[in-house]
Amino acid sequence: MINTVVARRYANAIFALGAREGDEALTKHGECLANLKDMIAATPGLDLTLRSPVVSTEEKKAVVNKLLAKLKADKIMKNFCCLLADKDRLSFLRDIASRYGELLDEKKGVIRGRVTTAIPLSPEDEKKIMASLSKKGGGEIKLEFAVDASILGGMVLHMGDRVLDASLRAQLSILRETFKRGE
């Protein structure tokens, strides 16, 4: 719970700073945070270093500054990450980046979703689903595709707080309940 509160607070702060500078700065900060998040996720030792109480704040700042130099981050992002280091909040960087991405999508009107199917979809099928949902949703949609064999067939769509369960497992469950009631 505390992770989300801290991440939300810092993400809102850097988002507000970027908003003062315009949409280009918002996008640039979002890309920088997303790249940092990916770097941390790809390197388990890096995540441990940023979380470790044994590693000094100055050492953490040096590591983050090297990463930011590779990303050619602007001064605001460098100062933001140094503030996170000073406040011992670098361990929340991945959560902050995720929350910032959500804020950026909200501002741009992008809807994110997740499609789960029993078998992997072909790229053509993924494009068809995205096109159909974009047409119905009236805006840009970014989907993440996953595979879960336990749904047996069909698909489950999560978009925001909505869930469309068109899986075979759900339909069989409904049928089972109907038989139990004797209808």
Protein backbone atom coordinates (compact mmCIF):
# COMPACT_ATOMS: atom_id res chain seq x y z
CA MET A 1 0.00 0.00 0.00
CA ILE A 2 2.75 2.43 0.93
CA ASN A 3 4.47 1.73 -2.40
CA THR A 4 1.50 2.98 -4.36
CA VAL A 5 1.07 6.08 -2.20
CA VAL A 6 4.74 7.03 -2.53
CA ALA A 7 4.83 6.22 -6.25
CA ARG A 8 1.67 8.21 -6.89
CA ARG A 9 2.97 11.22 -5.00
CA TYR A 10 6.33 11.37 -6.79
CA ALA A 11 4.84 10.54 -10.20
CA ASN A 12 2.30 13.34 -9.78
CA ALA A 13 5.09 15.73 -8.83
CA ILE A 14 7.31 15.01 -11.84
CA PHE A 15 4.24 15.00 -14.08
CA ALA A 16 3.26 18.47 -12.82
CA LEU A 17 6.79 19.72 -13.51
CA GLY A 18 6.68 18.32 -17.02
CA ALA A 19 3.21 19.77 -17.64
CA ARG A 20 4.57 23.26 -16.98
CA GLU A 21 7.05 22.76 -19.81
CA GLY A 22 4.54 21.27 -22.27
CA ASP A 23 3.62 18.00 -23.94
CA GLU A 24 7.08 17.42 -25.36
CA ALA A 25 8.64 17.48 -21.90
CA LEU A 26 5.93 15.16 -20.57
CA THR A 27 6.65 12.64 -23.30
CA LYS A 28 10.42 12.94 -22.86
CA HIS A 29 10.17 12.38 -19.11
CA GLY A 30 7.87 9.42 -19.69
CA GLU A 31 10.34 7.82 -22.09
CA CYS A 32 13.20 8.41 -19.69
CA LEU A 33 11.33 6.86 -16.75
CA ALA A 34 10.19 3.92 -18.88
CA ASN A 35 13.77 3.28 -20.02
CA LEU A 36 15.02 3.47 -16.42
CA LYS A 37 12.32 1.02 -15.39
CA ASP A 38 13.35 -1.37 -18.17
CA MET A 39 17.03 -1.09 -17.23
CA ILE A 40 16.27 -1.86 -13.60
CA ALA A 41 14.02 -4.80 -14.53
CA ALA A 42 16.65 -6.22 -16.89
CA THR A 43 19.45 -6.02 -14.33
CA PRO A 44 18.55 -7.64 -10.99
CA GLY A 45 21.81 -6.45 -9.42
CA LEU A 46 20.89 -2.87 -10.23
CA ASP A 47 17.57 -3.18 -8.44
CA LEU A 48 19.32 -4.64 -5.40
CA THR A 49 21.87 -1.81 -5.44
CA LEU A 50 19.17 0.86 -5.46
CA ARG A 51 17.27 -0.85 -2.63
CA SER A 52 20.26 -1.70 -0.46
CA PRO A 53 20.72 0.21 2.80
CA VAL A 54 24.42 -0.73 2.69
CA VAL A 55 25.08 1.24 -0.51
CA SER A 56 25.55 4.93 0.24
CA THR A 57 23.35 7.64 -1.23
CA GLU A 58 26.30 9.06 -3.16
CA GLU A 59 27.03 5.68 -4.74
CA LYS A 60 23.38 5.31 -5.71
CA LYS A 61 23.40 8.80 -7.22
CA ALA A 62 26.52 7.92 -9.23
CA VAL A 63 24.86 4.79 -10.62
CA VAL A 64 21.66 6.64 -11.52
CA ASN A 65 23.58 9.54 -13.06
CA LYS A 66 25.45 7.10 -15.32
CA LEU A 67 22.15 5.61 -16.44
CA LEU A 68 20.67 9.06 -17.02
CA ALA A 69 23.73 10.09 -19.02
CA LYS A 70 23.21 7.09 -21.31
CA LEU A 71 19.59 8.15 -21.75
CA LYS A 72 20.55 11.80 -22.32
CA ALA A 73 18.11 12.90 -19.65
CA ASP A 74 17.39 16.57 -19.05
CA LYS A 75 18.24 18.47 -15.88
CA ILE A 76 14.77 18.01 -14.37
CA MET A 77 15.04 14.23 -14.58
CA LYS A 78 18.54 14.27 -13.13
CA ASN A 79 17.43 16.46 -10.24
CA PHE A 80 14.35 14.32 -9.72
CA CYS A 81 16.40 11.13 -9.49
CA CYS A 82 18.88 12.80 -7.14
CA LEU A 83 15.96 13.85 -4.94
CA LEU A 84 14.74 10.24 -4.93
CA ALA A 85 18.22 9.16 -3.84
CA ASP A 86 18.40 11.80 -1.10
CA LYS A 87 14.98 10.79 0.23
CA ASP A 88 15.88 7.07 -0.04
CA ARG A 89 13.08 6.53 -2.57
CA LEU A 90 15.03 5.02 -5.48
CA SER A 91 13.53 1.65 -4.59
CA PHE A 92 10.18 3.06 -5.78
CA LEU A 93 11.49 4.13 -9.19
CA ARG A 94 9.78 1.30 -11.08
CA ASP A 95 6.43 2.05 -9.43
CA ILE A 96 6.87 5.76 -10.10
CA ALA A 97 7.58 5.05 -13.77
CA SER A 98 4.46 2.88 -14.05
CA ARG A 99 2.26 5.51 -12.43
CA TYR A 100 3.76 8.24 -14.63
CA GLY A 101 2.95 6.13 -17.69
CA GLU A 102 -0.66 5.88 -16.53
CA LEU A 103 -0.87 9.65 -16.06
CA LEU A 104 0.62 10.25 -19.50
CA ASP A 105 -1.82 7.82 -21.12
CA GLU A 106 -4.71 9.53 -19.33
CA LYS A 107 -3.62 12.92 -20.64
CA LYS A 108 -3.22 11.63 -24.20
CA GLY A 109 -6.48 9.67 -24.13
CA VAL A 110 -4.76 6.32 -24.58
CA ILE A 111 -6.57 3.30 -23.18
CA ARG A 112 -4.49 0.35 -22.02
CA GLY A 113 -5.76 -3.18 -21.88
CA ARG A 114 -4.80 -6.80 -21.62
CA VAL A 115 -6.07 -9.65 -23.79
CA THR A 116 -5.64 -13.18 -22.49
CA THR A 117 -6.16 -16.14 -24.81
CA ALA A 118 -5.70 -19.89 -24.50
CA ILE A 119 -3.20 -20.01 -27.35
CA PRO A 120 -0.80 -17.41 -28.75
CA LEU A 121 -2.35 -15.12 -31.35
CA SER A 122 -0.76 -14.39 -34.69
CA PRO A 123 0.37 -10.81 -35.30
CA GLU A 124 -2.49 -10.42 -37.81
CA ASP A 125 -5.07 -11.47 -35.21
CA GLU A 126 -3.55 -9.07 -32.67
CA LYS A 127 -3.82 -6.23 -35.19
CA LYS A 128 -7.44 -7.12 -35.96
CA ILE A 129 -8.37 -7.09 -32.28
CA MET A 130 -6.60 -3.78 -31.73
CA ALA A 131 -8.26 -2.22 -34.79
CA SER A 132 -11.70 -3.42 -33.73
CA LEU A 133 -11.31 -2.13 -30.17
CA SER A 134 -9.87 1.20 -31.36
CA LYS A 135 -12.86 1.64 -33.65
CA LYS A 136 -15.33 0.87 -30.83
CA GLY A 137 -13.39 2.79 -28.20
CA GLY A 138 -12.94 5.88 -30.33
CA GLY A 139 -9.30 6.38 -29.43
CA GLU A 140 -5.85 4.90 -29.31
CA ILE A 141 -5.63 1.58 -27.55
CA LYS A 142 -2.50 -0.20 -26.38
CA LEU A 143 -2.97 -3.87 -25.65
CA GLU A 144 -0.79 -6.39 -23.93
CA PHE A 145 -1.33 -9.96 -25.07
CA ALA A 146 -0.96 -12.93 -22.72
CA VAL A 147 -1.55 -16.67 -22.88
CA ASP A 148 -3.34 -18.69 -20.19
CA ALA A 149 -4.27 -22.24 -21.19
CA SER A 150 -6.68 -22.54 -18.22
CA ILE A 151 -9.30 -20.40 -20.00
CA LEU A 152 -9.64 -23.30 -22.50
CA GLY A 153 -10.66 -21.09 -25.43
CA GLY A 154 -11.98 -17.65 -26.33
CA MET A 155 -10.47 -14.61 -24.65
CA VAL A 156 -10.59 -12.38 -21.61
CA LEU A 157 -10.27 -8.63 -22.10
CA HIS A 158 -9.28 -6.27 -19.27
CA MET A 159 -9.57 -2.55 -20.04
CA GLY A 160 -9.37 -0.22 -17.09
CA ASP A 161 -11.91 -1.43 -14.56
CA ARG A 162 -13.91 -3.40 -17.15
CA VAL A 163 -13.58 -7.11 -17.83
CA LEU A 164 -15.10 -8.93 -20.77
CA ASP A 165 -14.82 -12.65 -20.15
CA ALA A 166 -15.61 -14.47 -23.40
CA SER A 167 -13.64 -17.53 -22.42
CA LEU A 168 -14.84 -21.08 -22.77
CA ARG A 169 -14.18 -21.62 -19.06
CA ALA A 170 -16.61 -18.79 -18.15
CA GLN A 171 -19.26 -20.08 -20.54
CA LEU A 172 -18.97 -23.60 -19.10
CA SER A 173 -19.27 -22.15 -15.60
CA ILE A 174 -22.48 -20.33 -16.58
CA LEU A 175 -23.84 -23.52 -18.13
CA ARG A 176 -22.96 -25.47 -14.97
CA GLU A 177 -24.82 -22.94 -12.80
CA THR A 178 -27.84 -23.12 -15.10
CA PHE A 179 -27.95 -26.91 -14.75
CA LYS A 180 -27.65 -26.63 -10.96
CA ARG A 181 -30.66 -24.31 -10.85
CA GLY A 182 -32.61 -26.73 -13.06
CA GLU A 183 -33.46 -24.22 -15.76
